[in-house]
Amino acid sequence: MRSALAGIFPPIPTTFDSSTGDVDARAIASNVSRLMTNGLAGVLALGSNGEAGLLDDAEGDLVVAAARDAVPRDRWLLVGVGRESTRATVAAARRAAKLGADAVLVRPPSYYKTDMTPEALIGHYRQVADASPIPVVLYNLPGPTGIVLTVPIVSALAEHANVAGVKETSPELERLGQWVTLRGGSFPVLCGWAPVVYPALMAGAAGGILAVANVLPEQCVALYEHTRAGRHAEALAAQRALTRIARLVSSVHGIAGLKTALDLVGYRGGAVRSPLLPVSDRVRDEITQALQKARGH
């Protein structure tokens, strides 16, 4: 039996075969199996860190199937299914459900961002939630999408029985603090911005979906557990230790930085898919030094 939607989730990258460039399902399953030994609540497949926008549907299905094989049934497999049309998003949610996903994460459509009024966004998400066989987690991703799911939008959507929570990928703690009050304080909010995960947890977040949890899962879980247990000095120390490397593998050097860090700690990161570019030797050295410091070496 799975617990509530809470805890630490890594948004897993998609590993590609070094010779063909195809999705390497075995490497993905191997990474996830190892991650699942570290107290994580589950994983997110096909998030923005999974290069989801660079995969076709068949490749995405391979990633989901590989992750499902490696995630125990008592933990969460979240799958990103955001598309530009409501119809395509619903189809992706249904496909993820057939492949064994436990919930879907849905970013807002953004190609026609000037037309994405509150009414349009609420209508989109309600239709997806109506049609999805599994729960829907809203995904606020203002940086890449240019769209903000505001407090009124999320408040309206939280009334839907099939909306299971929201992921906030920004450092905006005031908005997060308002979201955690929805449904009488029982609406799960997951922080997607690792440099503020400790204050987010203090504000009432249920957990985090953190890129750095792919690289240093034990430390991320420890931060979460310290906070939940009221060990705030230890939690703050964990936050400070993680912040620099967390920035380097997300907002600073992106997916290429994350995959480089994975290679350095013994997971299968590998190459990014074009048009993304690999990191330079200088950046690799920077990530190496930050990792050593975060691990206390």
C-alpha atoms as a PDB file:
ATOM      1  CA  MET A   1       0.000   0.000   0.000  1.00  0.00           C
ATOM      2  CA  ARG A   2       1.466   3.358  -1.047  1.00  0.00           C
ATOM      3  CA  SER A   3       1.631   6.145   1.503  1.00  0.00           C
ATOM      4  CA  ALA A   4       0.344   9.666   0.859  1.00  0.00           C
ATOM      5  CA  LEU A   5       1.962  11.786  -1.844  1.00  0.00           C
ATOM      6  CA  ALA A   6       4.874  12.946   0.277  1.00  0.00           C
ATOM      7  CA  GLY A   7       8.631  12.582   0.573  1.00  0.00           C
ATOM      8  CA  ILE A   8      11.509  13.020  -1.852  1.00  0.00           C
ATOM      9  CA  PHE A   9      11.260  12.114  -5.531  1.00  0.00           C
ATOM     10  CA  PRO A  10      14.069  12.343  -8.092  1.00  0.00           C
ATOM     11  CA  PRO A  11      13.006  13.427 -11.590  1.00  0.00           C
ATOM     12  CA  ILE A  12      15.013  10.783 -13.417  1.00  0.00           C
ATOM     13  CA  PRO A  13      16.958  11.660 -16.556  1.00  0.00           C
ATOM     14  CA  THR A  14      16.526   9.606 -19.701  1.00  0.00           C
ATOM     15  CA  THR A  15      19.664   7.613 -20.467  1.00  0.00           C
ATOM     16  CA  PHE A  16      20.567   7.089 -24.121  1.00  0.00           C
ATOM     17  CA  ASP A  17      22.657   4.328 -25.663  1.00  0.00           C
ATOM     18  CA  SER A  18      26.097   5.797 -26.371  1.00  0.00           C
ATOM     19  CA  SER A  19      26.390   4.190 -29.800  1.00  0.00           C
ATOM     20  CA  THR A  20      22.858   4.502 -31.198  1.00  0.00           C
ATOM     21  CA  GLY A  21      21.340   7.412 -29.296  1.00  0.00           C
ATOM     22  CA  ASP A  22      18.272   5.280 -28.538  1.00  0.00           C
ATOM     23  CA  VAL A  23      16.629   5.155 -25.109  1.00  0.00           C
ATOM     24  CA  ASP A  24      18.634   2.775 -22.912  1.00  0.00           C
ATOM     25  CA  ALA A  25      15.889   1.086 -20.911  1.00  0.00           C
ATOM     26  CA  ARG A  26      18.309  -1.205 -19.067  1.00  0.00           C
ATOM     27  CA  ALA A  27      20.388   1.726 -17.838  1.00  0.00           C
ATOM     28  CA  ILE A  28      17.252   3.568 -16.701  1.00  0.00           C
ATOM     29  CA  ALA A  29      16.018   0.511 -14.785  1.00  0.00           C
ATOM     30  CA  SER A  30      19.461   0.082 -13.224  1.00  0.00           C
ATOM     31  CA  ASN A  31      19.545   3.712 -12.057  1.00  0.00           C
ATOM     32  CA  VAL A  32      16.043   3.508 -10.604  1.00  0.00           C
ATOM     33  CA  SER A  33      16.713   0.205  -8.834  1.00  0.00           C
ATOM     34  CA  ARG A  34      19.710   1.745  -7.100  1.00  0.00           C
ATOM     35  CA  LEU A  35      17.792   4.904  -6.225  1.00  0.00           C
ATOM     36  CA  MET A  36      15.065   2.819  -4.603  1.00  0.00           C
ATOM     37  CA  THR A  37      17.515   1.609  -1.947  1.00  0.00           C
ATOM     38  CA  ASN A  38      17.812   5.120  -0.496  1.00  0.00           C
ATOM     39  CA  GLY A  39      14.490   5.823   1.215  1.00  0.00           C
ATOM     40  CA  LEU A  40      12.966   7.792  -1.643  1.00  0.00           C
ATOM     41  CA  ALA A  41       9.180   7.986  -2.000  1.00  0.00           C
ATOM     42  CA  GLY A  42       9.314   7.125  -5.695  1.00  0.00           C
ATOM     43  CA  VAL A  43      10.468   8.725  -8.932  1.00  0.00           C
ATOM     44  CA  LEU A  44       9.218  11.059 -11.630  1.00  0.00           C
ATOM     45  CA  ALA A  45       9.742   9.839 -15.191  1.00  0.00           C
ATOM     46  CA  LEU A  46       9.450  12.128 -18.219  1.00  0.00           C
ATOM     47  CA  GLY A  47       9.746  15.356 -16.306  1.00  0.00           C
ATOM     48  CA  SER A  48      11.684  18.301 -17.667  1.00  0.00           C
ATOM     49  CA  ASN A  49      14.909  16.675 -16.399  1.00  0.00           C
ATOM     50  CA  GLY A  50      13.958  13.556 -18.375  1.00  0.00           C
ATOM     51  CA  GLU A  51      14.315  15.409 -21.697  1.00  0.00           C
ATOM     52  CA  ALA A  52      10.636  14.677 -22.228  1.00  0.00           C
ATOM     53  CA  GLY A  53      10.315  17.346 -24.898  1.00  0.00           C
ATOM     54  CA  LEU A  54      12.987  15.597 -26.976  1.00  0.00           C
ATOM     55  CA  LEU A  55      11.327  12.153 -26.950  1.00  0.00           C
ATOM     56  CA  ASP A  56       8.584  10.760 -29.140  1.00  0.00           C
ATOM     57  CA  ASP A  57       5.674   8.869 -27.593  1.00  0.00           C
ATOM     58  CA  ALA A  58       7.161   5.426 -28.203  1.00  0.00           C
ATOM     59  CA  GLU A  59      10.417   6.440 -26.533  1.00  0.00           C
ATOM     60  CA  GLY A  60       8.514   7.902 -23.608  1.00  0.00           C
ATOM     61  CA  ASP A  61       6.659   4.627 -23.177  1.00  0.00           C
ATOM     62  CA  LEU A  62       9.995   2.795 -23.001  1.00  0.00           C
ATOM     63  CA  VAL A  63      11.132   5.101 -20.206  1.00  0.00           C
ATOM     64  CA  VAL A  64       7.918   4.602 -18.227  1.00  0.00           C
ATOM     65  CA  ALA A  65       8.018   0.821 -18.629  1.00  0.00           C
ATOM     66  CA  ALA A  66      11.659   0.684 -17.509  1.00  0.00           C
ATOM     67  CA  ALA A  67      10.943   2.809 -14.452  1.00  0.00           C
ATOM     68  CA  ARG A  68       7.838   0.781 -13.565  1.00  0.00           C
ATOM     69  CA  ASP A  69       9.883  -2.407 -13.555  1.00  0.00           C
ATOM     70  CA  ALA A  70      12.248  -0.896 -10.999  1.00  0.00           C
ATOM     71  CA  VAL A  71       9.897   1.048  -8.700  1.00  0.00           C
ATOM     72  CA  PRO A  72       8.336  -1.090  -5.962  1.00  0.00           C
ATOM     73  CA  ARG A  73       4.545  -1.095  -5.989  1.00  0.00           C
ATOM     74  CA  ASP A  74       4.395   0.503  -2.558  1.00  0.00           C
ATOM     75  CA  ARG A  75       6.124   3.618  -3.901  1.00  0.00           C
ATOM     76  CA  TRP A  76       5.082   6.225  -6.436  1.00  0.00           C
ATOM     77  CA  LEU A  77       5.786   6.266 -10.142  1.00  0.00           C
ATOM     78  CA  LEU A  78       4.883   9.738 -11.342  1.00  0.00           C
ATOM     79  CA  VAL A  79       4.930  10.384 -15.095  1.00  0.00           C
ATOM     80  CA  GLY A  80       5.057  13.721 -16.888  1.00  0.00           C
ATOM     81  CA  VAL A  81       2.376  13.865 -19.591  1.00  0.00           C
ATOM     82  CA  GLY A  82       2.091  17.574 -20.402  1.00  0.00           C
ATOM     83  CA  ARG A  83       1.300  18.305 -24.050  1.00  0.00           C
ATOM     84  CA  GLU A  84       0.197  21.383 -25.939  1.00  0.00           C
ATOM     85  CA  SER A  85      -3.363  20.195 -26.566  1.00  0.00           C
ATOM     86  CA  THR A  86      -5.835  18.877 -24.038  1.00  0.00           C
ATOM     87  CA  ARG A  87      -6.569  15.922 -26.305  1.00  0.00           C
ATOM     88  CA  ALA A  88      -2.906  14.888 -26.502  1.00  0.00           C
ATOM     89  CA  THR A  89      -2.447  15.348 -22.752  1.00  0.00           C
ATOM     90  CA  VAL A  90      -5.406  13.068 -22.040  1.00  0.00           C
ATOM     91  CA  ALA A  91      -4.033  10.453 -24.465  1.00  0.00           C
ATOM     92  CA  ALA A  92      -0.625  10.602 -22.764  1.00  0.00           C
ATOM     93  CA  ALA A  93      -2.227  10.230 -19.324  1.00  0.00           C
ATOM     94  CA  ARG A  94      -4.185   7.188 -20.436  1.00  0.00           C
ATOM     95  CA  ARG A  95      -1.070   5.634 -21.942  1.00  0.00           C
ATOM     96  CA  ALA A  96       0.920   6.262 -18.751  1.00  0.00           C
ATOM     97  CA  ALA A  97      -1.841   4.660 -16.705  1.00  0.00           C
ATOM     98  CA  LYS A  98      -1.777   1.536 -18.892  1.00  0.00           C
ATOM     99  CA  LEU A  99       1.973   1.313 -18.353  1.00  0.00           C
ATOM    100  CA  GLY A 100       1.521   1.324 -14.574  1.00  0.00           C
ATOM    101  CA  ALA A 101       1.968   4.955 -13.547  1.00  0.00           C
ATOM    102  CA  ASP A 102       0.432   5.887 -10.201  1.00  0.00           C
ATOM    103  CA  ALA A 103      -0.159   9.562 -11.027  1.00  0.00           C
ATOM    104  CA  VAL A 104       0.597  12.001 -13.833  1.00  0.00           C
ATOM    105  CA  LEU A 105       2.316  15.376 -13.664  1.00  0.00           C
ATOM    106  CA  VAL A 106       0.851  17.937 -16.061  1.00  0.00           C
ATOM    107  CA  ARG A 107       2.611  21.166 -17.032  1.00  0.00           C
ATOM    108  CA  PRO A 108       0.534  23.967 -18.528  1.00  0.00           C
ATOM    109  CA  PRO A 109       0.422  24.292 -22.322  1.00  0.00           C
ATOM    110  CA  SER A 110       2.634  27.213 -23.289  1.00  0.00           C
ATOM    111  CA  TYR A 111       3.041  27.477 -27.065  1.00  0.00           C
ATOM    112  CA  TYR A 112       0.050  29.842 -27.177  1.00  0.00           C
ATOM    113  CA  LYS A 113       0.896  31.361 -23.823  1.00  0.00           C
ATOM    114  CA  THR A 114      -0.854  34.669 -24.468  1.00  0.00           C
ATOM    115  CA  ASP A 115      -4.123  32.730 -24.846  1.00  0.00           C
ATOM    116  CA  MET A 116      -3.620  30.736 -21.650  1.00  0.00           C
ATOM    117  CA  THR A 117      -6.021  32.755 -19.526  1.00  0.00           C
ATOM    118  CA  PRO A 118      -7.108  31.444 -16.139  1.00  0.00           C
ATOM    119  CA  GLU A 119     -10.304  30.188 -17.769  1.00  0.00           C
ATOM    120  CA  ALA A 120      -8.364  28.313 -20.450  1.00  0.00           C
ATOM    121  CA  LEU A 121      -5.981  26.734 -17.938  1.00  0.00           C
ATOM    122  CA  ILE A 122      -8.736  25.715 -15.533  1.00  0.00           C
ATOM    123  CA  GLY A 123     -10.716  24.215 -18.406  1.00  0.00           C
ATOM    124  CA  HIS A 124      -7.673  22.316 -19.672  1.00  0.00           C
ATOM    125  CA  TYR A 125      -6.823  20.807 -16.312  1.00  0.00           C
ATOM    126  CA  ARG A 126     -10.423  19.930 -15.487  1.00  0.00           C
ATOM    127  CA  GLN A 127     -10.802  18.054 -18.764  1.00  0.00           C
ATOM    128  CA  VAL A 128      -7.547  16.176 -18.151  1.00  0.00           C
ATOM    129  CA  ALA A 129      -8.558  15.343 -14.574  1.00  0.00           C
ATOM    130  CA  ASP A 130     -11.996  14.189 -15.754  1.00  0.00           C
ATOM    131  CA  ALA A 131     -10.488  11.822 -18.319  1.00  0.00           C
ATOM    132  CA  SER A 132      -7.333  10.581 -16.616  1.00  0.00           C
ATOM    133  CA  PRO A 133      -7.634   7.087 -15.091  1.00  0.00           C
ATOM    134  CA  ILE A 134      -5.094   8.042 -12.420  1.00  0.00           C
ATOM    135  CA  PRO A 135      -4.614  11.149 -10.241  1.00  0.00           C
ATOM    136  CA  VAL A 136      -3.317  14.383 -11.742  1.00  0.00           C
ATOM    137  CA  VAL A 137      -0.582  16.488 -10.133  1.00  0.00           C
ATOM    138  CA  LEU A 138      -0.463  20.081 -11.347  1.00  0.00           C
ATOM    139  CA  TYR A 139       2.968  21.305 -12.456  1.00  0.00           C
ATOM    140  CA  ASN A 140       3.830  24.970 -12.028  1.00  0.00           C
ATOM    141  CA  LEU A 141       6.891  25.593 -14.211  1.00  0.00           C
ATOM    142  CA  PRO A 142       7.024  29.338 -14.813  1.00  0.00           C
ATOM    143  CA  GLY A 143      10.650  29.514 -15.996  1.00  0.00           C
ATOM    144  CA  PRO A 144      10.421  27.342 -19.137  1.00  0.00           C
ATOM    145  CA  THR A 145       6.712  27.847 -19.828  1.00  0.00           C
ATOM    146  CA  GLY A 146       6.305  31.542 -19.070  1.00  0.00           C
ATOM    147  CA  ILE A 147       3.015  30.679 -17.361  1.00  0.00           C
ATOM    148  CA  VAL A 148       2.208  30.852 -13.663  1.00  0.00           C
ATOM    149  CA  LEU A 149      -0.457  28.688 -12.071  1.00  0.00           C
ATOM    150  CA  THR A 150      -1.731  31.316  -9.671  1.00  0.00           C
ATOM    151  CA  VAL A 151      -3.321  30.750  -6.300  1.00  0.00           C
ATOM    152  CA  PRO A 152      -6.863  31.285  -7.686  1.00  0.00           C
ATOM    153  CA  ILE A 153      -6.231  28.777 -10.511  1.00  0.00           C
ATOM    154  CA  VAL A 154      -4.865  26.086  -8.187  1.00  0.00           C
ATOM    155  CA  SER A 155      -7.577  26.810  -5.607  1.00  0.00           C
ATOM    156  CA  ALA A 156     -10.243  26.133  -8.231  1.00  0.00           C
ATOM    157  CA  LEU A 157      -8.535  22.959  -9.437  1.00  0.00           C
ATOM    158  CA  ALA A 158      -7.942  21.634  -5.916  1.00  0.00           C
ATOM    159  CA  GLU A 159     -11.703  21.154  -5.716  1.00  0.00           C
ATOM    160  CA  HIS A 160     -11.502  18.399  -8.350  1.00  0.00           C
ATOM    161  CA  ALA A 161     -11.475  14.922  -6.815  1.00  0.00           C
ATOM    162  CA  ASN A 162      -8.846  13.648  -9.281  1.00  0.00           C
ATOM    163  CA  VAL A 163      -6.349  16.474  -8.680  1.00  0.00           C
ATOM    164  CA  ALA A 164      -3.872  15.012  -6.218  1.00  0.00           C
ATOM    165  CA  GLY A 165      -1.551  17.959  -5.574  1.00  0.00           C
ATOM    166  CA  VAL A 166       0.820  20.436  -7.185  1.00  0.00           C
ATOM    167  CA  LYS A 167       4.537  20.707  -7.873  1.00  0.00           C
ATOM    168  CA  GLU A 168       6.018  24.187  -7.494  1.00  0.00           C
ATOM    169  CA  THR A 169       9.245  24.609  -9.494  1.00  0.00           C
ATOM    170  CA  SER A 170      10.249  28.095  -8.474  1.00  0.00           C
ATOM    171  CA  PRO A 171      11.665  29.732  -5.345  1.00  0.00           C
ATOM    172  CA  GLU A 172       8.289  31.426  -4.710  1.00  0.00           C
ATOM    173  CA  LEU A 173       7.546  30.454  -1.121  1.00  0.00           C
ATOM    174  CA  GLU A 174       4.649  32.856  -0.623  1.00  0.00           C
ATOM    175  CA  ARG A 175       2.603  31.091  -3.313  1.00  0.00           C
ATOM    176  CA  LEU A 176       3.582  27.686  -1.961  1.00  0.00           C
ATOM    177  CA  GLY A 177       2.546  28.783   1.520  1.00  0.00           C
ATOM    178  CA  GLN A 178      -0.920  29.634   0.264  1.00  0.00           C
ATOM    179  CA  TRP A 179      -1.305  26.370  -1.615  1.00  0.00           C
ATOM    180  CA  VAL A 180      -0.597  24.241   1.444  1.00  0.00           C
ATOM    181  CA  THR A 181      -3.708  25.674   3.105  1.00  0.00           C
ATOM    182  CA  LEU A 182      -6.028  24.253   0.432  1.00  0.00           C
ATOM    183  CA  ARG A 183      -8.400  21.402   1.336  1.00  0.00           C
ATOM    184  CA  GLY A 184      -8.075  22.352   4.960  1.00  0.00           C
ATOM    185  CA  GLY A 185      -4.311  21.912   4.852  1.00  0.00           C
ATOM    186  CA  SER A 186      -4.400  18.461   3.266  1.00  0.00           C
ATOM    187  CA  PHE A 187      -3.473  19.429  -0.321  1.00  0.00           C
ATOM    188  CA  PRO A 188      -0.013  18.002  -1.122  1.00  0.00           C
ATOM    189  CA  VAL A 189       2.481  20.543  -2.421  1.00  0.00           C
ATOM    190  CA  LEU A 190       5.845  19.273  -3.688  1.00  0.00           C
ATOM    191  CA  CYS A 191       8.762  21.677  -3.913  1.00  0.00           C
ATOM    192  CA  GLY A 192      10.728  21.472  -7.159  1.00  0.00           C
ATOM    193  CA  TRP A 193      13.427  23.999  -6.249  1.00  0.00           C
ATOM    194  CA  ALA A 194      16.107  22.336  -4.142  1.00  0.00           C
ATOM    195  CA  PRO A 195      17.814  25.490  -2.794  1.00  0.00           C
ATOM    196  CA  VAL A 196      14.596  26.313  -0.884  1.00  0.00           C
ATOM    197  CA  VAL A 197      13.357  22.828  -0.021  1.00  0.00           C
ATOM    198  CA  TYR A 198      13.993  23.214   3.720  1.00  0.00           C
ATOM    199  CA  PRO A 199      11.989  26.443   4.051  1.00  0.00           C
ATOM    200  CA  ALA A 200       9.347  24.927   1.756  1.00  0.00           C
ATOM    201  CA  LEU A 201       9.009  21.949   4.088  1.00  0.00           C
ATOM    202  CA  MET A 202       8.823  24.327   7.036  1.00  0.00           C
ATOM    203  CA  ALA A 203       6.005  26.153   5.232  1.00  0.00           C
ATOM    204  CA  GLY A 204       4.070  22.900   4.917  1.00  0.00           C
ATOM    205  CA  ALA A 205       5.244  21.288   1.684  1.00  0.00           C
ATOM    206  CA  ALA A 206       4.700  17.527   1.621  1.00  0.00           C
ATOM    207  CA  GLY A 207       8.066  16.846   0.021  1.00  0.00           C
ATOM    208  CA  GLY A 208      10.154  17.639  -3.019  1.00  0.00           C
ATOM    209  CA  ILE A 209      10.801  16.588  -6.599  1.00  0.00           C
ATOM    210  CA  LEU A 210      14.482  17.464  -6.778  1.00  0.00           C
ATOM    211  CA  ALA A 211      17.034  16.956  -9.557  1.00  0.00           C
ATOM    212  CA  VAL A 212      19.821  16.662  -6.993  1.00  0.00           C
ATOM    213  CA  ALA A 213      18.024  13.680  -5.421  1.00  0.00           C
ATOM    214  CA  ASN A 214      19.233  11.657  -8.416  1.00  0.00           C
ATOM    215  CA  VAL A 215      22.810  12.374  -7.374  1.00  0.00           C
ATOM    216  CA  LEU A 216      22.698  12.586  -3.575  1.00  0.00           C
ATOM    217  CA  PRO A 217      19.516  10.749  -2.594  1.00  0.00           C
ATOM    218  CA  GLU A 218      20.611   9.916   0.941  1.00  0.00           C
ATOM    219  CA  GLN A 219      21.329  13.550   1.761  1.00  0.00           C
ATOM    220  CA  CYS A 220      18.010  14.715   0.317  1.00  0.00           C
ATOM    221  CA  VAL A 221      16.075  12.102   2.274  1.00  0.00           C
ATOM    222  CA  ALA A 222      18.008  13.020   5.416  1.00  0.00           C
ATOM    223  CA  LEU A 223      17.051  16.691   4.974  1.00  0.00           C
ATOM    224  CA  TYR A 224      13.390  15.704   4.661  1.00  0.00           C
ATOM    225  CA  GLU A 225      13.494  13.369   7.662  1.00  0.00           C
ATOM    226  CA  HIS A 226      15.350  15.879   9.852  1.00  0.00           C
ATOM    227  CA  THR A 227      12.717  18.502   9.062  1.00  0.00           C
ATOM    228  CA  ARG A 228       9.790  16.180   9.742  1.00  0.00           C
ATOM    229  CA  ALA A 229      11.345  15.144  13.052  1.00  0.00           C
ATOM    230  CA  GLY A 230      11.981  18.723  14.168  1.00  0.00           C
ATOM    231  CA  ARG A 231      15.763  18.423  13.975  1.00  0.00           C
ATOM    232  CA  HIS A 232      16.083  21.861  12.438  1.00  0.00           C
ATOM    233  CA  ALA A 233      19.793  22.462  12.977  1.00  0.00           C
ATOM    234  CA  GLU A 234      20.542  19.235  11.138  1.00  0.00           C
ATOM    235  CA  ALA A 235      18.028  20.051   8.395  1.00  0.00           C
ATOM    236  CA  LEU A 236      19.509  23.509   7.862  1.00  0.00           C
ATOM    237  CA  ALA A 237      23.003  22.034   7.700  1.00  0.00           C
ATOM    238  CA  ALA A 238      21.799  19.526   5.086  1.00  0.00           C
ATOM    239  CA  GLN A 239      20.201  22.331   3.061  1.00  0.00           C
ATOM    240  CA  ARG A 240      23.414  24.339   3.100  1.00  0.00           C
ATOM    241  CA  ALA A 241      25.470  21.330   2.055  1.00  0.00           C
ATOM    242  CA  LEU A 242      23.156  20.606  -0.894  1.00  0.00           C
ATOM    243  CA  THR A 243      22.450  24.064  -2.234  1.00  0.00           C
ATOM    244  CA  ARG A 244      25.510  24.634  -4.418  1.00  0.00           C
ATOM    245  CA  ILE A 245      25.514  21.243  -6.129  1.00  0.00           C
ATOM    246  CA  ALA A 246      21.718  21.432  -6.467  1.00  0.00           C
ATOM    247  CA  ARG A 247      22.045  24.696  -8.420  1.00  0.00           C
ATOM    248  CA  LEU A 248      24.823  23.315 -10.626  1.00  0.00           C
ATOM    249  CA  VAL A 249      22.743  20.277 -11.709  1.00  0.00           C
ATOM    250  CA  SER A 250      19.571  22.250 -12.357  1.00  0.00           C
ATOM    251  CA  SER A 251      19.318  25.987 -12.915  1.00  0.00           C
ATOM    252  CA  VAL A 252      22.989  26.604 -13.767  1.00  0.00           C
ATOM    253  CA  HIS A 253      24.080  23.721 -16.015  1.00  0.00           C
ATOM    254  CA  GLY A 254      20.773  21.980 -16.631  1.00  0.00           C
ATOM    255  CA  ILE A 255      20.352  18.404 -17.781  1.00  0.00           C
ATOM    256  CA  ALA A 256      23.917  18.125 -19.063  1.00  0.00           C
ATOM    257  CA  GLY A 257      25.166  19.085 -15.608  1.00  0.00           C
ATOM    258  CA  LEU A 258      22.848  16.558 -13.978  1.00  0.00           C
ATOM    259  CA  LYS A 259      23.976  13.736 -16.252  1.00  0.00           C
ATOM    260  CA  THR A 260      27.616  14.641 -15.642  1.00  0.00           C
ATOM    261  CA  ALA A 261      27.079  14.465 -11.886  1.00  0.00           C
ATOM    262  CA  LEU A 262      25.343  11.093 -12.257  1.00  0.00           C
ATOM    263  CA  ASP A 263      28.338   9.709 -14.121  1.00  0.00           C
ATOM    264  CA  LEU A 264      30.641  11.024 -11.403  1.00  0.00           C
ATOM    265  CA  VAL A 265      28.765   9.212  -8.607  1.00  0.00           C
ATOM    266  CA  GLY A 266      28.474   5.905 -10.453  1.00  0.00           C
ATOM    267  CA  TYR A 267      25.013   6.099 -12.033  1.00  0.00           C
ATOM    268  CA  ARG A 268      24.391   6.014 -15.782  1.00  0.00           C
ATOM    269  CA  GLY A 269      24.027   9.601 -16.917  1.00  0.00           C
ATOM    270  CA  GLY A 270      25.510   9.657 -20.382  1.00  0.00           C
ATOM    271  CA  ALA A 271      24.980  12.146 -23.166  1.00  0.00           C
ATOM    272  CA  VAL A 272      22.215  14.669 -23.631  1.00  0.00           C
ATOM    273  CA  ARG A 273      20.183  14.619 -26.822  1.00  0.00           C
ATOM    274  CA  SER A 274      20.810  17.284 -29.453  1.00  0.00           C
ATOM    275  CA  PRO A 275      20.225  20.220 -29.622  1.00  0.00           C
ATOM    276  CA  LEU A 276      21.332  20.179 -25.965  1.00  0.00           C
ATOM    277  CA  LEU A 277      25.088  20.385 -25.554  1.00  0.00           C
ATOM    278  CA  PRO A 278      27.426  18.581 -23.134  1.00  0.00           C
ATOM    279  CA  VAL A 279      29.216  20.473 -20.400  1.00  0.00           C
ATOM    280  CA  SER A 280      32.789  21.654 -20.832  1.00  0.00           C
ATOM    281  CA  ASP A 281      35.756  20.194 -18.980  1.00  0.00           C
ATOM    282  CA  ARG A 282      35.761  23.300 -16.789  1.00  0.00           C
ATOM    283  CA  VAL A 283      32.150  22.714 -15.782  1.00  0.00           C
ATOM    284  CA  ARG A 284      32.834  19.036 -15.158  1.00  0.00           C
ATOM    285  CA  ASP A 285      35.616  20.041 -12.766  1.00  0.00           C
ATOM    286  CA  GLU A 286      33.295  22.538 -11.070  1.00  0.00           C
ATOM    287  CA  ILE A 287      30.657  19.841 -10.545  1.00  0.00           C
ATOM    288  CA  THR A 288      33.282  17.388  -9.287  1.00  0.00           C
ATOM    289  CA  GLN A 289      34.476  19.846  -6.652  1.00  0.00           C
ATOM    290  CA  ALA A 290      30.939  20.706  -5.569  1.00  0.00           C
ATOM    291  CA  LEU A 291      30.064  17.035  -5.232  1.00  0.00           C
ATOM    292  CA  GLN A 292      33.109  16.380  -3.089  1.00  0.00           C
ATOM    293  CA  LYS A 293      32.190  19.260  -0.805  1.00  0.00           C
ATOM    294  CA  ALA A 294      28.551  18.178  -0.532  1.00  0.00           C
ATOM    295  CA  ARG A 295      29.619  14.664   0.391  1.00  0.00           C
ATOM    296  CA  GLY A 296      32.052  15.941   3.001  1.00  0.00           C
ATOM    297  CA  HIS A 297      35.177  14.822   1.141  1.00  0.00           C
END
